[in-house]
């Protein structure tokens, strides 16, 4: 019984999964390093991790991610990240319905 094909299939799948795990681990470590260097609280660190994963978010998406946190608190958290140079605001003014926040690639 020749298992060569199955072993090749298994090793290819395993390699892909390990690459994904490695990338996620590097992303989590990067988020932790950025959060520590900027002295961010846990919620702000979670926002950084989210931006590393998705690269952009709207305030509404942020509210869905943190349903127990007041909108104004989330706005302050986002402003802190903007002021730290980690993210940027995109849109035309505070009332623009298409406004979103984008990751700027800030490093620790």
PDB file of N, CA and C in Angstrom:
ATOM      1  N   UNK A   1       0.844  -1.173   0.000  1.00  0.00           N
ATOM      2  CA  UNK A   1       0.000   0.000   0.000  1.00  0.00           C
ATOM      3  C   UNK A   1       0.896   1.245   0.000  1.00  0.00           C
ATOM      4  N   UNK A   2       0.763   2.082  -1.046  1.00  0.00           N
ATOM      5  CA  UNK A   2       1.590   3.287  -1.179  1.00  0.00           C
ATOM      6  C   UNK A   2       0.869   4.481  -0.548  1.00  0.00           C
ATOM      7  N   UNK A   3       1.484   5.060   0.464  1.00  0.00           N
ATOM      8  CA  UNK A   3       0.906   6.204   1.174  1.00  0.00           C
ATOM      9  C   UNK A   3       1.562   7.522   0.790  1.00  0.00           C
ATOM     10  N   UNK A   4       2.367   7.532  -0.229  1.00  0.00           N
ATOM     11  CA  UNK A   4       3.113   8.725  -0.619  1.00  0.00           C
ATOM     12  C   UNK A   4       2.181   9.911  -0.903  1.00  0.00           C
ATOM     13  N   UNK A   5       1.140   9.693  -1.646  1.00  0.00           N
ATOM     14  CA  UNK A   5       0.195  10.767  -1.977  1.00  0.00           C
ATOM     15  C   UNK A   5      -0.465  11.344  -0.739  1.00  0.00           C
ATOM     16  N   UNK A   6      -0.878  10.463   0.164  1.00  0.00           N
ATOM     17  CA  UNK A   6      -1.522  10.924   1.396  1.00  0.00           C
ATOM     18  C   UNK A   6      -0.539  11.710   2.259  1.00  0.00           C
ATOM     19  N   UNK A   7       0.696  11.213   2.377  1.00  0.00           N
ATOM     20  CA  UNK A   7       1.720  11.901   3.187  1.00  0.00           C
ATOM     21  C   UNK A   7       2.018  13.272   2.595  1.00  0.00           C
ATOM     22  N   UNK A   8       2.134  13.367   1.284  1.00  0.00           N
ATOM     23  CA  UNK A   8       2.374  14.665   0.642  1.00  0.00           C
ATOM     24  C   UNK A   8       1.214  15.620   0.908  1.00  0.00           C
ATOM     25  N   UNK A   9      -0.008  15.128   0.794  1.00  0.00           N
ATOM     26  CA  UNK A   9      -1.195  15.939   1.063  1.00  0.00           C
ATOM     27  C   UNK A   9      -1.193  16.423   2.517  1.00  0.00           C
ATOM     28  N   UNK A  10      -0.918  15.524   3.439  1.00  0.00           N
ATOM     29  CA  UNK A  10      -0.893  15.846   4.863  1.00  0.00           C
ATOM     30  C   UNK A  10       0.181  16.876   5.174  1.00  0.00           C
ATOM     31  N   UNK A  11       1.376  16.680   4.653  1.00  0.00           N
ATOM     32  CA  UNK A  11       2.492  17.599   4.930  1.00  0.00           C
ATOM     33  C   UNK A  11       2.213  18.977   4.334  1.00  0.00           C
ATOM     34  N   UNK A  12       1.619  19.035   3.168  1.00  0.00           N
ATOM     35  CA  UNK A  12       1.267  20.321   2.557  1.00  0.00           C
ATOM     36  C   UNK A  12       0.245  21.061   3.416  1.00  0.00           C
ATOM     37  N   UNK A  13      -0.781  20.361   3.870  1.00  0.00           N
ATOM     38  CA  UNK A  13      -1.789  20.966   4.745  1.00  0.00           C
ATOM     39  C   UNK A  13      -1.205  21.416   6.068  1.00  0.00           C
ATOM     40  N   UNK A  14      -0.367  20.588   6.651  1.00  0.00           N
ATOM     41  CA  UNK A  14       0.285  20.924   7.912  1.00  0.00           C
ATOM     42  C   UNK A  14       1.161  22.155   7.757  1.00  0.00           C
ATOM     43  N   UNK A  15       1.889  22.242   6.673  1.00  0.00           N
ATOM     44  CA  UNK A  15       2.754  23.390   6.410  1.00  0.00           C
ATOM     45  C   UNK A  15       1.934  24.680   6.310  1.00  0.00           C
ATOM     46  N   UNK A  16       0.812  24.607   5.618  1.00  0.00           N
ATOM     47  CA  UNK A  16      -0.052  25.784   5.482  1.00  0.00           C
ATOM     48  C   UNK A  16      -0.599  26.215   6.837  1.00  0.00           C
ATOM     49  N   UNK A  17      -1.024  25.251   7.648  1.00  0.00           N
ATOM     50  CA  UNK A  17      -1.562  25.562   8.968  1.00  0.00           C
ATOM     51  C   UNK A  17      -0.489  26.154   9.878  1.00  0.00           C
ATOM     52  N   UNK A  18       0.708  25.599   9.851  1.00  0.00           N
ATOM     53  CA  UNK A  18       1.800  26.117  10.679  1.00  0.00           C
ATOM     54  C   UNK A  18       2.191  27.534  10.262  1.00  0.00           C
ATOM     55  N   UNK A  19       2.149  27.817   8.982  1.00  0.00           N
ATOM     56  CA  UNK A  19       2.439  29.179   8.502  1.00  0.00           C
ATOM     57  C   UNK A  19       1.399  30.162   9.026  1.00  0.00           C
ATOM     58  N   UNK A  20       0.141  29.750   9.027  1.00  0.00           N
ATOM     59  CA  UNK A  20      -0.932  30.608   9.533  1.00  0.00           C
ATOM     60  C   UNK A  20      -0.781  30.841  11.036  1.00  0.00           C
ATOM     61  N   UNK A  21      -0.472  29.802  11.770  1.00  0.00           N
ATOM     62  CA  UNK A  21      -0.272  29.925  13.220  1.00  0.00           C
ATOM     63  C   UNK A  21       0.908  30.849  13.512  1.00  0.00           C
ATOM     64  N   UNK A  22       1.978  30.705  12.755  1.00  0.00           N
ATOM     65  CA  UNK A  22       3.153  31.551  12.933  1.00  0.00           C
ATOM     66  C   UNK A  22       2.800  33.019  12.684  1.00  0.00           C
ATOM     67  N   UNK A  23       2.061  33.290  11.615  1.00  0.00           N
ATOM     68  CA  UNK A  23       1.678  34.666  11.286  1.00  0.00           C
ATOM     69  C   UNK A  23       0.800  35.269  12.382  1.00  0.00           C
ATOM     70  N   UNK A  24      -0.149  34.492  12.890  1.00  0.00           N
ATOM     71  CA  UNK A  24      -1.012  34.992  13.966  1.00  0.00           C
ATOM     72  C   UNK A  24      -0.227  35.240  15.248  1.00  0.00           C
ATOM     73  N   UNK A  25       0.716  34.372  15.536  1.00  0.00           N
ATOM     74  CA  UNK A  25       1.557  34.548  16.717  1.00  0.00           C
ATOM     75  C   UNK A  25       2.407  35.801  16.606  1.00  0.00           C
ATOM     76  N   UNK A  26       2.998  36.018  15.439  1.00  0.00           N
ATOM     77  CA  UNK A  26       3.796  37.228  15.225  1.00  0.00           C
ATOM     78  C   UNK A  26       2.944  38.478  15.360  1.00  0.00           C
ATOM     79  N   UNK A  27       1.716  38.407  14.854  1.00  0.00           N
ATOM     80  CA  UNK A  27       0.791  39.535  14.943  1.00  0.00           C
ATOM     81  C   UNK A  27       0.423  39.831  16.399  1.00  0.00           C
ATOM     82  N   UNK A  28       0.174  38.799  17.182  1.00  0.00           N
ATOM     83  CA  UNK A  28      -0.162  38.978  18.598  1.00  0.00           C
ATOM     84  C   UNK A  28       1.016  39.562  19.368  1.00  0.00           C
ATOM     85  N   UNK A  29       2.210  39.079  19.079  1.00  0.00           N
ATOM     86  CA  UNK A  29       3.400  39.613  19.748  1.00  0.00           C
ATOM     87  C   UNK A  29       3.611  41.072  19.356  1.00  0.00           C
ATOM     88  N   UNK A  30       3.430  41.375  18.097  1.00  0.00           N
ATOM     89  CA  UNK A  30       3.584  42.762  17.630  1.00  0.00           C
ATOM     90  C   UNK A  30       2.586  43.674  18.334  1.00  0.00           C
ATOM     91  N   UNK A  31       1.339  43.237  18.452  1.00  0.00           N
ATOM     92  CA  UNK A  31       0.319  44.037  19.137  1.00  0.00           C
ATOM     93  C   UNK A  31       0.706  44.266  20.597  1.00  0.00           C
ATOM     94  N   UNK A  32       1.205  43.225  21.252  1.00  0.00           N
ATOM     95  CA  UNK A  32       1.623  43.357  22.651  1.00  0.00           C
ATOM     96  C   UNK A  32       2.795  44.321  22.808  1.00  0.00           C
ATOM     97  N   UNK A  33       3.751  44.243  21.907  1.00  0.00           N
ATOM     98  CA  UNK A  33       4.916  45.131  21.974  1.00  0.00           C
ATOM     99  C   UNK A  33       4.501  46.587  21.756  1.00  0.00           C
ATOM    100  N   UNK A  34       3.634  46.815  20.775  1.00  0.00           N
ATOM    101  CA  UNK A  34       3.140  48.172  20.514  1.00  0.00           C
ATOM    102  C   UNK A  34       2.372  48.685  21.717  1.00  0.00           C
ATOM    103  N   UNK A  35       1.483  47.860  22.263  1.00  0.00           N
ATOM    104  CA  UNK A  35       0.678  48.272  23.421  1.00  0.00           C
ATOM    105  C   UNK A  35       1.559  48.603  24.619  1.00  0.00           C
ATOM    106  N   UNK A  36       2.587  47.810  24.854  1.00  0.00           N
ATOM    107  CA  UNK A  36       3.486  48.063  25.985  1.00  0.00           C
ATOM    108  C   UNK A  36       4.293  49.339  25.770  1.00  0.00           C
ATOM    109  N   UNK A  37       4.765  49.545  24.555  1.00  0.00           N
ATOM    110  CA  UNK A  37       5.602  50.721  24.287  1.00  0.00           C
ATOM    111  C   UNK A  37       4.797  52.017  24.361  1.00  0.00           C
ATOM    112  N   UNK A  38       3.507  51.954  24.030  1.00  0.00           N
ATOM    113  CA  UNK A  38       2.642  53.143  24.067  1.00  0.00           C
ATOM    114  C   UNK A  38       1.849  53.247  25.371  1.00  0.00           C
ATOM    115  N   UNK A  39       2.062  52.260  26.273  1.00  0.00           N
ATOM    116  CA  UNK A  39       1.366  52.218  27.568  1.00  0.00           C
ATOM    117  C   UNK A  39      -0.160  52.251  27.394  1.00  0.00           C
ATOM    118  N   UNK A  40      -0.667  51.351  26.552  1.00  0.00           N
ATOM    119  CA  UNK A  40      -2.097  51.262  26.277  1.00  0.00           C
ATOM    120  C   UNK A  40      -2.773  50.340  27.275  1.00  0.00           C
ATOM    121  N   UNK A  41      -4.045  50.627  27.561  1.00  0.00           N
ATOM    122  CA  UNK A  41      -4.804  49.727  28.424  1.00  0.00           C
ATOM    123  C   UNK A  41      -5.251  48.508  27.599  1.00  0.00           C
ATOM    124  N   UNK A  42      -5.904  47.557  28.247  1.00  0.00           N
ATOM    125  CA  UNK A  42      -6.270  46.296  27.584  1.00  0.00           C
ATOM    126  C   UNK A  42      -7.205  46.515  26.398  1.00  0.00           C
ATOM    127  N   UNK A  43      -8.154  47.418  26.533  1.00  0.00           N
ATOM    128  CA  UNK A  43      -9.107  47.676  25.448  1.00  0.00           C
ATOM    129  C   UNK A  43      -8.388  48.318  24.257  1.00  0.00           C
ATOM    130  N   UNK A  44      -7.507  49.262  24.532  1.00  0.00           N
ATOM    131  CA  UNK A  44      -6.755  49.911  23.469  1.00  0.00           C
ATOM    132  C   UNK A  44      -5.808  48.916  22.794  1.00  0.00           C
ATOM    133  N   UNK A  45      -5.216  48.030  23.591  1.00  0.00           N
ATOM    134  CA  UNK A  45      -4.359  46.987  23.026  1.00  0.00           C
ATOM    135  C   UNK A  45      -5.168  46.055  22.127  1.00  0.00           C
ATOM    136  N   UNK A  46      -6.392  45.769  22.530  1.00  0.00           N
ATOM    137  CA  UNK A  46      -7.269  44.943  21.716  1.00  0.00           C
ATOM    138  C   UNK A  46      -7.608  45.641  20.396  1.00  0.00           C
ATOM    139  N   UNK A  47      -7.784  46.952  20.455  1.00  0.00           N
ATOM    140  CA  UNK A  47      -8.022  47.723  19.225  1.00  0.00           C
ATOM    141  C   UNK A  47      -6.815  47.636  18.295  1.00  0.00           C
ATOM    142  N   UNK A  48      -5.620  47.752  18.854  1.00  0.00           N
ATOM    143  CA  UNK A  48      -4.403  47.636  18.046  1.00  0.00           C
ATOM    144  C   UNK A  48      -4.359  46.268  17.376  1.00  0.00           C
ATOM    145  N   UNK A  49      -4.648  45.222  18.126  1.00  0.00           N
ATOM    146  CA  UNK A  49      -4.655  43.869  17.550  1.00  0.00           C
ATOM    147  C   UNK A  49      -5.689  43.762  16.433  1.00  0.00           C
ATOM    148  N   UNK A  50      -6.841  44.388  16.620  1.00  0.00           N
ATOM    149  CA  UNK A  50      -7.885  44.371  15.597  1.00  0.00           C
ATOM    150  C   UNK A  50      -7.415  45.092  14.342  1.00  0.00           C
ATOM    151  N   UNK A  51      -6.754  46.243  14.514  1.00  0.00           N
ATOM    152  CA  UNK A  51      -6.242  46.974  13.354  1.00  0.00           C
ATOM    153  C   UNK A  51      -5.156  46.181  12.628  1.00  0.00           C
ATOM    154  N   UNK A  52      -4.340  45.456  13.362  1.00  0.00           N
ATOM    155  CA  UNK A  52      -3.322  44.630  12.717  1.00  0.00           C
ATOM    156  C   UNK A  52      -3.966  43.514  11.893  1.00  0.00           C
ATOM    157  N   UNK A  53      -5.114  43.056  12.350  1.00  0.00           N
ATOM    158  CA  UNK A  53      -5.828  41.988  11.663  1.00  0.00           C
ATOM    159  C   UNK A  53      -6.604  42.505  10.452  1.00  0.00           C
ATOM    160  N   UNK A  54      -7.271  43.661  10.610  1.00  0.00           N
ATOM    161  CA  UNK A  54      -8.196  44.146   9.579  1.00  0.00           C
ATOM    162  C   UNK A  54      -7.723  45.385   8.835  1.00  0.00           C
ATOM    163  N   UNK A  55      -6.818  46.148   9.379  1.00  0.00           N
ATOM    164  CA  UNK A  55      -6.233  47.372   8.821  1.00  0.00           C
ATOM    165  C   UNK A  55      -7.146  48.598   8.809  1.00  0.00           C
ATOM    166  N   UNK A  56      -8.474  48.418   8.861  1.00  0.00           N
ATOM    167  CA  UNK A  56      -9.352  49.581   8.986  1.00  0.00           C
ATOM    168  C   UNK A  56     -10.648  49.199   9.694  1.00  0.00           C
ATOM    169  N   UNK A  57     -11.212  50.188  10.400  1.00  0.00           N
ATOM    170  CA  UNK A  57     -12.454  49.990  11.157  1.00  0.00           C
ATOM    171  C   UNK A  57     -13.262  51.274  11.158  1.00  0.00           C
ATOM    172  N   UNK A  58     -14.571  51.140  11.201  1.00  0.00           N
ATOM    173  CA  UNK A  58     -15.442  52.288  11.434  1.00  0.00           C
ATOM    174  C   UNK A  58     -15.778  52.324  12.916  1.00  0.00           C
ATOM    175  N   UNK A  59     -16.327  53.441  13.365  1.00  0.00           N
ATOM    176  CA  UNK A  59     -16.743  53.531  14.760  1.00  0.00           C
ATOM    177  C   UNK A  59     -17.847  52.504  15.037  1.00  0.00           C
ATOM    178  N   UNK A  60     -18.758  52.312  14.090  1.00  0.00           N
ATOM    179  CA  UNK A  60     -19.842  51.337  14.276  1.00  0.00           C
ATOM    180  C   UNK A  60     -19.287  49.920  14.452  1.00  0.00           C
ATOM    181  N   UNK A  61     -18.267  49.559  13.676  1.00  0.00           N
ATOM    182  CA  UNK A  61     -17.646  48.235  13.820  1.00  0.00           C
ATOM    183  C   UNK A  61     -16.962  48.105  15.178  1.00  0.00           C
ATOM    184  N   UNK A  62     -16.362  49.194  15.625  1.00  0.00           N
ATOM    185  CA  UNK A  62     -15.708  49.198  16.932  1.00  0.00           C
ATOM    186  C   UNK A  62     -16.739  49.009  18.036  1.00  0.00           C
ATOM    187  N   UNK A  63     -17.892  49.651  17.892  1.00  0.00           N
ATOM    188  CA  UNK A  63     -18.971  49.503  18.877  1.00  0.00           C
ATOM    189  C   UNK A  63     -19.474  48.060  18.926  1.00  0.00           C
ATOM    190  N   UNK A  64     -19.557  47.398  17.787  1.00  0.00           N
ATOM    191  CA  UNK A  64     -19.987  45.996  17.759  1.00  0.00           C
ATOM    192  C   UNK A  64     -18.966  45.102  18.452  1.00  0.00           C
ATOM    193  N   UNK A  65     -17.699  45.457  18.312  1.00  0.00           N
ATOM    194  CA  UNK A  65     -16.630  44.663  18.925  1.00  0.00           C
ATOM    195  C   UNK A  65     -16.585  44.830  20.441  1.00  0.00           C
ATOM    196  N   UNK A  66     -17.020  46.001  20.921  1.00  0.00           N
ATOM    197  CA  UNK A  66     -17.032  46.314  22.356  1.00  0.00           C
ATOM    198  C   UNK A  66     -18.423  46.796  22.758  1.00  0.00           C
ATOM    199  N   UNK A  67     -19.407  45.901  22.782  1.00  0.00           N
ATOM    200  CA  UNK A  67     -20.793  46.321  23.029  1.00  0.00           C
ATOM    201  C   UNK A  67     -21.040  46.888  24.430  1.00  0.00           C
ATOM    202  N   UNK A  68     -20.209  46.563  25.400  1.00  0.00           N
ATOM    203  CA  UNK A  68     -20.416  47.040  26.770  1.00  0.00           C
ATOM    204  C   UNK A  68     -19.673  48.339  27.068  1.00  0.00           C
ATOM    205  N   UNK A  69     -19.044  48.923  26.063  1.00  0.00           N
ATOM    206  CA  UNK A  69     -18.267  50.151  26.254  1.00  0.00           C
ATOM    207  C   UNK A  69     -19.011  51.313  25.598  1.00  0.00           C
ATOM    208  N   UNK A  70     -19.064  52.433  26.298  1.00  0.00           N
ATOM    209  CA  UNK A  70     -19.758  53.613  25.785  1.00  0.00           C
ATOM    210  C   UNK A  70     -19.101  54.123  24.503  1.00  0.00           C
ATOM    211  N   UNK A  71     -19.921  54.619  23.601  1.00  0.00           N
ATOM    212  CA  UNK A  71     -19.450  55.160  22.326  1.00  0.00           C
ATOM    213  C   UNK A  71     -18.380  56.237  22.549  1.00  0.00           C
ATOM    214  N   UNK A  72     -18.622  57.116  23.494  1.00  0.00           N
ATOM    215  CA  UNK A  72     -17.681  58.213  23.762  1.00  0.00           C
ATOM    216  C   UNK A  72     -16.326  57.672  24.233  1.00  0.00           C
ATOM    217  N   UNK A  73     -16.341  56.620  25.016  1.00  0.00           N
ATOM    218  CA  UNK A  73     -15.090  56.001  25.479  1.00  0.00           C
ATOM    219  C   UNK A  73     -14.321  55.432  24.290  1.00  0.00           C
ATOM    220  N   UNK A  74     -15.035  54.792  23.384  1.00  0.00           N
ATOM    221  CA  UNK A  74     -14.383  54.252  22.191  1.00  0.00           C
ATOM    222  C   UNK A  74     -13.822  55.370  21.315  1.00  0.00           C
ATOM    223  N   UNK A  75     -14.550  56.471  21.225  1.00  0.00           N
ATOM    224  CA  UNK A  75     -14.049  57.608  20.463  1.00  0.00           C
ATOM    225  C   UNK A  75     -12.750  58.144  21.080  1.00  0.00           C
ATOM    226  N   UNK A  76     -12.708  58.203  22.408  1.00  0.00           N
ATOM    227  CA  UNK A  76     -11.483  58.659  23.080  1.00  0.00           C
ATOM    228  C   UNK A  76     -10.331  57.685  22.833  1.00  0.00           C
ATOM    229  N   UNK A  77     -10.628  56.375  22.879  1.00  0.00           N
ATOM    230  CA  UNK A  77      -9.597  55.374  22.613  1.00  0.00           C
ATOM    231  C   UNK A  77      -9.051  55.530  21.189  1.00  0.00           C
ATOM    232  N   UNK A  78      -9.941  55.715  20.234  1.00  0.00           N
ATOM    233  CA  UNK A  78      -9.512  55.880  18.843  1.00  0.00           C
ATOM    234  C   UNK A  78      -8.695  57.165  18.676  1.00  0.00           C
ATOM    235  N   UNK A  79      -9.117  58.222  19.336  1.00  0.00           N
ATOM    236  CA  UNK A  79      -8.365  59.485  19.272  1.00  0.00           C
ATOM    237  C   UNK A  79      -6.973  59.308  19.862  1.00  0.00           C
ATOM    238  N   UNK A  80      -6.870  58.567  20.952  1.00  0.00           N
ATOM    239  CA  UNK A  80      -5.557  58.308  21.554  1.00  0.00           C
ATOM    240  C   UNK A  80      -4.648  57.578  20.568  1.00  0.00           C
ATOM    241  N   UNK A  81      -5.211  56.600  19.852  1.00  0.00           N
ATOM    242  CA  UNK A  81      -4.424  55.858  18.858  1.00  0.00           C
ATOM    243  C   UNK A  81      -4.040  56.747  17.674  1.00  0.00           C
ATOM    244  N   UNK A  82      -4.934  57.684  17.319  1.00  0.00           N
ATOM    245  CA  UNK A  82      -4.613  58.651  16.261  1.00  0.00           C
ATOM    246  C   UNK A  82      -3.470  59.547  16.728  1.00  0.00           C
ATOM    247  N   UNK A  83      -3.593  60.078  17.949  1.00  0.00           N
ATOM    248  CA  UNK A  83      -2.562  60.965  18.502  1.00  0.00           C
ATOM    249  C   UNK A  83      -1.216  60.246  18.663  1.00  0.00           C
ATOM    250  N   UNK A  84      -1.251  58.941  18.900  1.00  0.00           N
ATOM    251  CA  UNK A  84      -0.022  58.153  19.038  1.00  0.00           C
ATOM    252  C   UNK A  84       0.608  57.828  17.683  1.00  0.00           C
ATOM    253  N   UNK A  85      -0.094  58.167  16.595  1.00  0.00           N
ATOM    254  CA  UNK A  85       0.432  57.914  15.263  1.00  0.00           C
ATOM    255  C   UNK A  85       0.262  56.488  14.779  1.00  0.00           C
ATOM    256  N   UNK A  86      -0.580  55.721  15.470  1.00  0.00           N
ATOM    257  CA  UNK A  86      -0.792  54.327  15.082  1.00  0.00           C
ATOM    258  C   UNK A  86      -1.860  54.189  14.004  1.00  0.00           C
ATOM    259  N   UNK A  87      -2.893  55.011  14.077  1.00  0.00           N
ATOM    260  CA  UNK A  87      -3.982  54.965  13.101  1.00  0.00           C
ATOM    261  C   UNK A  87      -4.245  56.377  12.594  1.00  0.00           C
ATOM    262  N   UNK A  88      -4.964  56.475  11.500  1.00  0.00           N
ATOM    263  CA  UNK A  88      -5.351  57.765  10.942  1.00  0.00           C
ATOM    264  C   UNK A  88      -6.839  57.782  10.657  1.00  0.00           C
ATOM    265  N   UNK A  89      -7.425  58.965  10.714  1.00  0.00           N
ATOM    266  CA  UNK A  89      -8.847  59.135  10.381  1.00  0.00           C
ATOM    267  C   UNK A  89      -8.966  59.386   8.887  1.00  0.00           C
ATOM    268  N   UNK A  90      -9.927  58.739   8.283  1.00  0.00           N
ATOM    269  CA  UNK A  90     -10.188  58.942   6.861  1.00  0.00           C
ATOM    270  C   UNK A  90     -11.652  59.340   6.709  1.00  0.00           C
ATOM    271  N   UNK A  91     -11.900  60.389   5.957  1.00  0.00           N
ATOM    272  CA  UNK A  91     -13.254  60.878   5.750  1.00  0.00           C
ATOM    273  C   UNK A  91     -13.258  62.392   5.757  1.00  0.00           C
ATOM    274  N   UNK A  92     -14.456  62.965   5.654  1.00  0.00           N
ATOM    275  CA  UNK A  92     -14.598  64.419   5.554  1.00  0.00           C
ATOM    276  C   UNK A  92     -15.345  64.964   6.767  1.00  0.00           C
ATOM    277  N   UNK A  93     -14.684  65.031   7.894  1.00  0.00           N
ATOM    278  CA  UNK A  93     -15.301  65.621   9.080  1.00  0.00           C
ATOM    279  C   UNK A  93     -15.921  64.592  10.003  1.00  0.00           C
ATOM    280  N   UNK A  94     -16.257  65.071  11.185  1.00  0.00           N
ATOM    281  CA  UNK A  94     -16.755  64.198  12.245  1.00  0.00           C
ATOM    282  C   UNK A  94     -18.101  63.566  11.927  1.00  0.00           C
ATOM    283  N   UNK A  95     -18.900  64.200  11.087  1.00  0.00           N
ATOM    284  CA  UNK A  95     -20.245  63.674  10.804  1.00  0.00           C
ATOM    285  C   UNK A  95     -20.308  62.888   9.490  1.00  0.00           C
ATOM    286  N   UNK A  96     -19.181  62.699   8.830  1.00  0.00           N
ATOM    287  CA  UNK A  96     -19.147  61.951   7.575  1.00  0.00           C
ATOM    288  C   UNK A  96     -19.499  60.488   7.827  1.00  0.00           C
ATOM    289  N   UNK A  97     -20.566  59.975   7.211  1.00  0.00           N
ATOM    290  CA  UNK A  97     -20.959  58.580   7.459  1.00  0.00           C
ATOM    291  C   UNK A  97     -19.972  57.567   6.883  1.00  0.00           C
ATOM    292  N   UNK A  98     -19.083  57.995   6.000  1.00  0.00           N
ATOM    293  CA  UNK A  98     -18.107  57.073   5.427  1.00  0.00           C
ATOM    294  C   UNK A  98     -16.768  57.128   6.169  1.00  0.00           C
ATOM    295  N   UNK A  99     -16.706  57.876   7.262  1.00  0.00           N
ATOM    296  CA  UNK A  99     -15.448  58.012   8.015  1.00  0.00           C
ATOM    297  C   UNK A  99     -15.043  56.671   8.616  1.00  0.00           C
ATOM    298  N   UNK A 100     -13.744  56.410   8.554  1.00  0.00           N
ATOM    299  CA  UNK A 100     -13.204  55.197   9.156  1.00  0.00           C
ATOM    300  C   UNK A 100     -11.801  55.491   9.660  1.00  0.00           C
ATOM    301  N   UNK A 101     -11.252  54.540  10.378  1.00  0.00           N
ATOM    302  CA  UNK A 101      -9.902  54.646  10.926  1.00  0.00           C
ATOM    303  C   UNK A 101      -9.048  53.574  10.258  1.00  0.00           C
ATOM    304  N   UNK A 102      -7.840  53.959   9.859  1.00  0.00           N
ATOM    305  CA  UNK A 102      -6.965  53.036   9.144  1.00  0.00           C
ATOM    306  C   UNK A 102      -5.624  52.911   9.853  1.00  0.00           C
ATOM    307  N   UNK A 103      -5.078  51.712   9.850  1.00  0.00           N
ATOM    308  CA  UNK A 103      -3.782  51.440  10.445  1.00  0.00           C
ATOM    309  C   UNK A 103      -2.704  52.136   9.629  1.00  0.00           C
ATOM    310  N   UNK A 104      -1.796  52.820  10.321  1.00  0.00           N
ATOM    311  CA  UNK A 104      -0.723  53.538   9.633  1.00  0.00           C
ATOM    312  C   UNK A 104       0.598  52.779   9.672  1.00  0.00           C
ATOM    313  N   UNK A 105       0.587  51.623  10.298  1.00  0.00           N
ATOM    314  CA  UNK A 105       1.809  50.851  10.365  1.00  0.00           C
ATOM    315  C   UNK A 105       2.757  51.326  11.453  1.00  0.00           C
ATOM    316  N   UNK A 106       2.203  51.920  12.497  1.00  0.00           N
ATOM    317  CA  UNK A 106       3.015  52.416  13.593  1.00  0.00           C
ATOM    318  C   UNK A 106       3.827  51.317  14.240  1.00  0.00           C
ATOM    319  N   UNK A 107       5.058  51.610  14.524  1.00  0.00           N
ATOM    320  CA  UNK A 107       5.960  50.646  15.175  1.00  0.00           C
ATOM    321  C   UNK A 107       6.286  51.137  16.573  1.00  0.00           C
ATOM    322  N   UNK A 108       6.643  50.221  17.452  1.00  0.00           N
ATOM    323  CA  UNK A 108       7.002  50.626  18.815  1.00  0.00           C
ATOM    324  C   UNK A 108       8.274  51.458  18.845  1.00  0.00           C
TER     325      UNK A 108
END
